[in-house]
Amino acid sequence: MDLSILFEYGWVLLLLVALEGLLAADNALVLAIMVKHLPDKERKRALFYGLAGAFIFRFASLFIISFLVDVWQIQALGALYLLFISINHIVRKLFFKKGEEHEDQEKKKSGFWGTVIKVELADIAFAIDSILAAVALAMTLPNTNLPQIGGMDGGKFLVIFMGGLIGLIIMRFAANLFVRLLQTRPGLEIAAFAIVGWVGVKLAVLTLGHPDIGVLSYEFAHSTAWKLFFYTVLILIALAGWFFSKNKKEVNT
């Protein structure tokens, strides 16, 4: 495999790990809130079911999407969905915090199996979010000489698979570290979902550049200039999330 292709794949994998880490931390925080009213043993069981569900739903989503990834209608729906969850999360985070606190109180009324069902439904949403974001990032990578897996180039599939697997590992073992990071720098969560929205923009550009649509040229949607612009803006969003987020430890001292 060409060195430049290896570099591009490695760069996308690093981006996926960072994005998956932040999303996994947010997901782990949501799951922790959903099960915190349960007794200790039941809480651990509910989280175990949640982790198993996350694994199953995430990789089921990957195999399904791999067969549909080149269909422009699916690309368009994916772009709209990513933009929706990005805007919806940021707006709720900035303007409807009290409503979220009320929802957390409502979750306390659920019994064990009711909580497990809610956790699994949340896992489905997390899986779709994660895989769509990963697929959108990987779609403009060059094809490799690896055999296809599902309906996708083997190299692209493996990058998405590794990113998803690392996200699950983070959710299981390193989520507390990321949760503490999000608690001290809450702006990182907003930046993570801003990145999800920007990935949605990238998927929209790919859709508009599809040969059957032709609003944008296919060459532009897959050009090096567009890729450089996309990754530059993505890095700037991440840096803004870090530097402009108030460090609560510093504020409290």
Protein backbone atom coordinates (compact mmCIF):
# COMPACT_ATOMS: atom_id res chain seq x y z
CA MET A 1 0.00 0.00 0.00
CA ASP A 2 1.25 3.47 -0.94
CA LEU A 3 2.79 5.49 1.92
CA SER A 4 0.49 8.47 1.31
CA ILE A 5 -2.55 6.20 1.55
CA LEU A 6 -1.24 4.74 4.81
CA PHE A 7 -0.75 8.26 6.17
CA GLU A 8 -4.29 9.29 5.19
CA TYR A 9 -5.78 6.15 6.75
CA GLY A 10 -3.74 6.68 9.93
CA TRP A 11 -4.88 10.31 10.17
CA VAL A 12 -8.55 9.35 9.80
CA LEU A 13 -8.13 6.59 12.39
CA LEU A 14 -6.68 9.11 14.89
CA LEU A 15 -9.62 11.44 14.23
CA LEU A 16 -12.03 8.56 14.72
CA VAL A 17 -10.40 7.58 18.02
CA ALA A 18 -10.66 11.15 19.31
CA LEU A 19 -14.26 11.55 18.15
CA GLU A 20 -15.27 8.10 19.39
CA GLY A 21 -13.64 8.85 22.74
CA LEU A 22 -15.72 12.00 23.25
CA LEU A 23 -18.92 10.38 21.99
CA ALA A 24 -18.30 7.26 24.11
CA ALA A 25 -17.75 9.42 27.18
CA ASP A 26 -21.01 11.27 26.53
CA ASN A 27 -22.79 7.95 25.94
CA ALA A 28 -21.30 6.46 29.12
CA LEU A 29 -22.42 9.53 31.07
CA VAL A 30 -25.98 9.16 29.75
CA LEU A 31 -26.05 5.44 30.60
CA ALA A 32 -24.69 6.13 34.09
CA ILE A 33 -27.51 8.63 34.67
CA MET A 34 -30.09 6.15 33.37
CA VAL A 35 -29.05 3.37 35.79
CA LYS A 36 -27.96 5.35 38.85
CA HIS A 37 -31.31 4.82 40.65
CA LEU A 38 -30.88 1.02 40.63
CA PRO A 39 -29.26 -0.99 43.47
CA ASP A 40 -25.56 -1.68 42.94
CA LYS A 41 -25.89 -5.27 41.63
CA GLU A 42 -28.73 -4.41 39.27
CA ARG A 43 -26.86 -1.32 38.10
CA LYS A 44 -23.86 -3.46 37.10
CA ARG A 45 -26.13 -5.95 35.31
CA ALA A 46 -27.92 -3.15 33.44
CA LEU A 47 -24.59 -1.63 32.36
CA PHE A 48 -23.37 -5.08 31.24
CA TYR A 49 -26.49 -5.49 29.08
CA GLY A 50 -25.89 -1.97 27.83
CA LEU A 51 -22.32 -2.75 26.80
CA ALA A 52 -23.39 -6.00 25.08
CA GLY A 53 -26.14 -4.10 23.26
CA ALA A 54 -23.69 -1.38 22.23
CA PHE A 55 -21.38 -4.01 20.70
CA ILE A 56 -24.19 -5.79 18.82
CA PHE A 57 -25.98 -2.70 17.53
CA ARG A 58 -22.80 -0.88 16.52
CA PHE A 59 -21.44 -3.67 14.34
CA ALA A 60 -24.87 -4.61 12.97
CA SER A 61 -25.19 -0.96 11.90
CA LEU A 62 -21.75 -1.09 10.27
CA PHE A 63 -22.58 -4.17 8.18
CA ILE A 64 -25.97 -2.76 7.11
CA ILE A 65 -24.58 0.66 6.21
CA SER A 66 -21.65 -0.91 4.32
CA PHE A 67 -24.10 -2.23 1.71
CA LEU A 68 -25.92 1.09 1.37
CA VAL A 69 -23.06 3.57 1.66
CA ASP A 70 -22.87 4.41 -2.08
CA VAL A 71 -26.64 4.99 -2.48
CA TRP A 72 -27.07 8.76 -2.70
CA GLN A 73 -30.45 8.69 -0.93
CA ILE A 74 -28.79 7.00 2.07
CA GLN A 75 -25.97 9.56 1.97
CA ALA A 76 -28.54 12.38 1.97
CA LEU A 77 -30.46 10.88 4.90
CA GLY A 78 -27.19 10.35 6.76
CA ALA A 79 -26.17 13.98 6.21
CA LEU A 80 -29.55 15.27 7.43
CA TYR A 81 -29.45 12.96 10.45
CA LEU A 82 -25.96 14.01 11.50
CA LEU A 83 -26.84 17.69 11.11
CA PHE A 84 -30.03 17.15 13.11
CA ILE A 85 -28.38 15.38 16.07
CA SER A 86 -25.59 17.95 16.08
CA ILE A 87 -27.89 21.00 16.13
CA ASN A 88 -30.39 19.32 18.46
CA HIS A 89 -27.74 18.35 21.01
CA ILE A 90 -26.00 21.74 20.97
CA VAL A 91 -29.29 23.66 21.30
CA ARG A 92 -30.50 21.42 24.14
CA LYS A 93 -27.13 21.68 25.88
CA LEU A 94 -27.04 25.47 25.67
CA PHE A 95 -30.70 26.40 26.15
CA PHE A 96 -32.64 23.52 27.73
CA LYS A 97 -30.51 22.24 30.61
CA LYS A 98 -33.43 22.38 33.06
CA GLY A 99 -35.49 20.15 30.80
CA GLU A 100 -32.69 17.58 30.77
CA GLU A 101 -32.58 17.61 34.58
CA HIS A 102 -36.34 16.94 34.63
CA GLU A 103 -35.86 14.00 32.24
CA ASP A 104 -33.19 12.59 34.55
CA GLN A 105 -35.67 12.71 37.43
CA GLU A 106 -38.25 10.89 35.33
CA LYS A 107 -35.77 8.09 34.59
CA LYS A 108 -35.61 7.25 38.29
CA LYS A 109 -39.15 5.85 38.13
CA SER A 110 -38.15 2.94 35.87
CA GLY A 111 -37.69 -0.58 37.24
CA PHE A 112 -34.80 -2.87 36.27
CA TRP A 113 -36.14 -4.23 32.97
CA GLY A 114 -37.68 -0.88 32.05
CA THR A 115 -34.25 0.68 32.56
CA VAL A 116 -32.58 -2.07 30.49
CA ILE A 117 -35.01 -1.43 27.61
CA LYS A 118 -34.25 2.31 27.74
CA VAL A 119 -30.52 1.57 27.82
CA GLU A 120 -30.81 -0.67 24.74
CA LEU A 121 -32.84 1.99 22.88
CA ALA A 122 -30.15 4.51 23.76
CA ASP A 123 -27.53 2.05 22.47
CA ILE A 124 -29.30 1.90 19.10
CA ALA A 125 -29.23 5.69 18.83
CA PHE A 126 -25.55 5.80 19.91
CA ALA A 127 -24.67 3.08 17.37
CA ILE A 128 -26.31 4.96 14.50
CA ASP A 129 -24.65 8.24 15.51
CA SER A 130 -21.22 6.65 15.83
CA ILE A 131 -21.29 4.58 12.63
CA LEU A 132 -22.73 7.39 10.48
CA ALA A 133 -20.04 9.76 11.69
CA ALA A 134 -17.33 7.15 11.09
CA VAL A 135 -18.63 6.20 7.63
CA ALA A 136 -18.82 9.85 6.58
CA LEU A 137 -15.20 10.36 7.65
CA ALA A 138 -14.01 7.22 5.85
CA MET A 139 -15.98 7.56 2.63
CA THR A 140 -13.53 9.86 0.84
CA LEU A 141 -10.53 7.70 1.71
CA PRO A 142 -8.93 6.10 -1.36
CA ASN A 143 -9.74 2.46 -2.04
CA THR A 144 -7.18 -0.18 -1.12
CA ASN A 145 -6.25 -3.55 -2.60
CA LEU A 146 -7.91 -5.32 0.34
CA PRO A 147 -10.98 -7.45 -0.48
CA GLN A 148 -14.42 -5.98 0.16
CA ILE A 149 -16.10 -6.63 3.50
CA GLY A 150 -19.85 -6.34 3.36
CA GLY A 151 -20.39 -3.81 0.60
CA MET A 152 -17.38 -1.64 1.41
CA ASP A 153 -13.70 -1.51 0.54
CA GLY A 154 -11.80 -3.63 3.06
CA GLY A 155 -9.50 -0.81 4.16
CA LYS A 156 -12.36 1.59 4.85
CA PHE A 157 -14.32 -1.10 6.68
CA LEU A 158 -11.36 -1.94 8.92
CA VAL A 159 -10.75 1.73 9.80
CA ILE A 160 -14.41 2.15 10.80
CA PHE A 161 -14.37 -1.20 12.64
CA MET A 162 -11.24 -0.25 14.60
CA GLY A 163 -12.65 3.19 15.44
CA GLY A 164 -15.88 1.62 16.70
CA LEU A 165 -14.03 -1.05 18.68
CA ILE A 166 -11.80 1.57 20.33
CA GLY A 167 -14.94 3.57 21.14
CA LEU A 168 -16.44 0.54 22.92
CA ILE A 169 -13.20 -0.05 24.83
CA ILE A 170 -13.22 3.60 25.91
CA MET A 171 -16.87 3.29 26.96
CA ARG A 172 -16.02 0.24 29.08
CA PHE A 173 -12.60 1.05 30.55
CA ALA A 174 -11.68 4.70 30.00
CA ALA A 175 -15.07 6.43 30.07
CA ASN A 176 -14.50 7.82 33.58
CA LEU A 177 -11.40 9.68 32.37
CA PHE A 178 -13.30 11.21 29.45
CA VAL A 179 -16.30 11.98 31.67
CA ARG A 180 -14.00 13.88 34.06
CA LEU A 181 -12.50 15.70 31.07
CA LEU A 182 -15.98 16.67 29.87
CA GLN A 183 -16.92 17.79 33.38
CA THR A 184 -13.86 20.06 33.66
CA ARG A 185 -14.12 21.29 30.06
CA PRO A 186 -17.82 21.01 29.07
CA GLY A 187 -17.18 22.91 25.84
CA LEU A 188 -15.49 19.78 24.46
CA GLU A 189 -18.87 18.04 24.31
CA ILE A 190 -20.32 20.89 22.25
CA ALA A 191 -17.20 20.78 20.04
CA ALA A 192 -17.64 17.01 19.55
CA PHE A 193 -21.20 17.48 18.31
CA ALA A 194 -20.11 20.46 16.19
CA ILE A 195 -17.65 18.03 14.58
CA VAL A 196 -20.52 15.57 14.02
CA GLY A 197 -22.41 18.38 12.26
CA TRP A 198 -19.35 19.27 10.16
CA VAL A 199 -19.06 15.59 9.18
CA GLY A 200 -22.72 15.87 8.15
CA VAL A 201 -21.72 18.78 5.89
CA LYS A 202 -19.02 16.58 4.36
CA LEU A 203 -21.58 13.84 3.69
CA ALA A 204 -23.90 16.46 2.15
CA VAL A 205 -21.09 17.56 -0.20
CA LEU A 206 -20.54 13.93 -1.22
CA THR A 207 -24.28 13.60 -1.88
CA LEU A 208 -24.42 16.78 -3.98
CA GLY A 209 -21.36 15.57 -5.89
CA HIS A 210 -22.90 12.15 -6.63
CA PRO A 211 -23.08 11.50 -10.41
CA ASP A 212 -26.88 11.10 -10.21
CA ILE A 213 -27.28 14.53 -8.52
CA GLY A 214 -24.56 16.68 -10.08
CA VAL A 215 -25.18 19.87 -8.10
CA LEU A 216 -21.47 19.86 -7.27
CA SER A 217 -18.83 18.23 -9.43
CA TYR A 218 -17.70 14.74 -8.48
CA GLU A 219 -14.10 15.91 -8.77
CA PHE A 220 -14.61 18.69 -6.20
CA ALA A 221 -16.36 16.39 -3.70
CA HIS A 222 -13.35 14.05 -3.82
CA SER A 223 -10.63 16.66 -4.33
CA THR A 224 -7.55 17.15 -2.17
CA ALA A 225 -8.40 20.85 -1.72
CA TRP A 226 -11.82 20.03 -0.23
CA LYS A 227 -10.30 17.35 2.03
CA LEU A 228 -7.68 19.80 3.31
CA PHE A 229 -10.35 22.45 3.97
CA PHE A 230 -12.56 19.91 5.74
CA TYR A 231 -9.80 18.65 8.05
CA THR A 232 -8.54 22.18 8.73
CA VAL A 233 -12.00 23.31 9.89
CA LEU A 234 -12.41 20.09 11.89
CA ILE A 235 -9.14 20.72 13.75
CA LEU A 236 -10.10 24.36 14.37
CA ILE A 237 -13.42 23.23 15.90
CA ALA A 238 -11.58 20.82 18.21
CA LEU A 239 -9.03 23.48 19.22
CA ALA A 240 -11.79 26.04 19.82
CA GLY A 241 -13.60 23.51 22.02
CA TRP A 242 -10.46 23.07 24.09
CA PHE A 243 -9.20 26.64 24.38
CA PHE A 244 -12.56 28.44 24.70
CA SER A 245 -14.05 25.93 27.14
CA LYS A 246 -13.92 27.17 30.72
CA ASN A 247 -11.88 24.90 32.93
CA LYS A 248 -14.13 24.46 35.97
CA LYS A 249 -11.19 23.69 38.21
CA GLU A 250 -9.61 27.01 37.28
CA VAL A 251 -12.93 28.84 37.69
CA ASN A 252 -13.49 27.36 41.17
CA THR A 253 -10.00 28.31 42.42
